[in-house]
Protein backbone atom coordinates (compact mmCIF):
# COMPACT_ATOMS: atom_id res chain seq x y z
CA MET A 1 71.70 152.99 120.36
CA SER A 2 70.04 152.80 116.97
CA SER A 3 71.94 153.56 113.77
CA LEU A 4 68.74 154.48 111.92
CA PRO A 5 68.40 158.07 110.68
CA LYS A 6 66.07 160.56 112.33
CA CYS A 7 62.83 161.46 110.57
CA PRO A 8 63.48 164.27 108.03
CA LYS A 9 59.98 165.67 108.57
CA CYS A 10 59.65 165.88 112.37
CA GLY A 11 63.13 164.92 113.64
CA SER A 12 61.93 161.92 115.65
CA GLU A 13 64.58 159.39 116.59
CA TYR A 14 62.07 156.52 116.85
CA THR A 15 62.18 155.50 113.18
CA TYR A 16 62.08 151.87 112.09
CA GLU A 17 62.70 149.85 108.95
CA ASP A 18 59.83 148.41 106.91
CA GLY A 19 61.17 146.57 103.89
CA ILE A 20 62.87 149.17 101.67
CA LEU A 21 61.44 152.11 103.63
CA TYR A 22 62.11 153.95 106.86
CA VAL A 23 58.93 154.84 108.79
CA CYS A 24 58.35 157.43 111.51
CA PRO A 25 55.73 156.29 114.07
CA GLU A 26 55.12 159.82 115.33
CA CYS A 27 54.21 161.64 112.07
CA ALA A 28 53.65 158.59 109.79
CA HIS A 29 56.25 159.88 107.29
CA GLU A 30 57.80 157.21 105.04
CA TRP A 31 60.93 157.57 102.91
CA ALA A 32 63.27 155.32 100.96
CA LYS A 33 66.47 154.09 102.59
CA ASP A 34 68.65 155.54 99.81
CA ALA A 35 66.82 158.90 100.03
CA ALA A 36 68.02 159.45 103.60
CA VAL A 37 71.47 160.53 102.44
CA ALA A 38 70.07 162.80 99.69
CA ASN A 39 67.74 164.61 102.14
CA VAL A 40 70.64 165.56 104.41
CA GLU A 41 72.50 167.16 101.49
CA GLN A 42 69.43 169.03 100.24
CA ASP A 43 68.55 170.43 103.68
CA SER A 44 71.96 172.06 104.08
CA VAL A 45 71.39 174.45 101.15
CA VAL A 46 69.94 177.82 102.20
CA ARG A 47 68.54 180.11 99.52
CA ASP A 48 67.45 183.75 99.63
CA ALA A 49 64.08 185.11 98.43
CA TYR A 50 65.25 185.04 94.80
CA GLY A 51 66.75 181.53 94.83
CA ASN A 52 70.42 182.49 95.21
CA GLU A 53 72.43 180.13 97.39
CA LEU A 54 73.71 181.67 100.63
CA HIS A 55 76.98 180.82 102.41
CA ASP A 56 78.59 181.77 105.71
CA GLY A 57 80.16 185.23 105.52
CA ASP A 58 77.89 186.55 102.74
CA ALA A 59 76.31 189.99 102.84
CA VAL A 60 72.53 190.23 102.45
CA THR A 61 69.95 192.99 102.18
CA VAL A 62 66.54 192.94 103.91
CA ILE A 63 63.65 193.06 101.38
CA LYS A 64 60.76 193.72 103.80
CA ASP A 65 60.22 195.79 106.96
CA LEU A 66 60.65 193.37 109.87
CA LYS A 67 59.11 194.14 113.27
CA LEU A 68 61.12 192.85 116.21
CA LYS A 69 59.05 190.84 118.65
CA GLY A 70 58.85 192.46 122.08
CA SER A 71 60.19 195.80 120.85
CA SER A 72 59.05 198.84 118.91
CA THR A 73 62.16 198.65 116.71
CA VAL A 74 61.83 197.84 113.00
CA VAL A 75 64.48 196.53 110.60
CA LYS A 76 63.86 198.66 107.50
CA VAL A 77 63.86 197.57 103.86
CA GLY A 78 67.33 197.90 102.35
CA THR A 79 69.21 197.29 105.61
CA LYS A 80 72.50 195.60 104.68
CA VAL A 81 73.71 192.78 106.90
CA ARG A 82 77.32 191.61 106.60
CA ASN A 83 79.00 188.39 107.73
CA ILE A 84 75.94 186.19 108.10
CA ARG A 85 76.19 182.75 109.66
CA LEU A 86 73.89 179.94 108.55
CA VAL A 87 72.24 177.85 111.27
CA GLN A 88 69.64 175.06 111.35
CA GLY A 89 66.07 175.89 112.25
CA ASP A 90 63.16 178.09 111.24
CA HIS A 91 65.25 181.28 111.36
CA ASP A 92 68.26 180.08 109.40
CA ILE A 93 70.47 183.20 109.37
CA ASP A 94 72.33 184.35 112.48
CA CYS A 95 73.67 187.90 112.20
CA LYS A 96 74.44 191.20 113.90
CA ILE A 97 72.69 194.35 112.64
CA ASP A 98 74.22 197.77 113.35
CA GLY A 99 72.09 199.71 115.84
CA ILE A 100 69.99 196.67 116.77
CA GLY A 101 72.37 193.89 117.77
CA ALA A 102 72.45 190.14 117.35
CA MET A 103 69.39 188.48 115.87
CA GLN A 104 68.18 185.70 113.61
CA LEU A 105 66.48 186.18 110.23
CA LYS A 106 64.57 183.95 107.87
CA SER A 107 66.23 183.56 104.48
CA GLU A 108 62.93 184.29 102.71
CA PHE A 109 63.15 187.97 103.78
CA VAL A 110 66.65 188.70 102.45
CA LYS A 111 68.45 188.88 99.11
CA LYS A 112 72.11 188.31 98.46
CA ALA A 113 74.00 191.61 98.14
C-alpha cells in the first residue's frame, strides 16, 4: 500500500512523486510535498457565510429560504439550529431541525448565532 497522500482536489489515491511535487494522474493537479500537510489543516476549518469559524455543538441561524429536495417543505430564514455537527463533504453541517428532522446544510447558508 502506498504512503503517498491522496489528491486534495479530486481525492484520487493514484498520486505519484515527480521531483519535489506530487502529481495526480486523474485530474492533473500538482502540489508541493510540504504543502500536503498544510492542505489537510486548512480543509478542516468550516466557516459560515460571514467568515466566522464553526465548531461542533455551535448554534447557527439559516440566512436564506431553503427548499427541501423531494418535499414541499421549506426551511425559513431565521430558523435557529442548535448542536450542529461538522462533517466532510459538500454539505458540511449535519443537524436536526425542529419540525423537519435530520438533514445536512451547506455552511454558506448559515450564520453563527
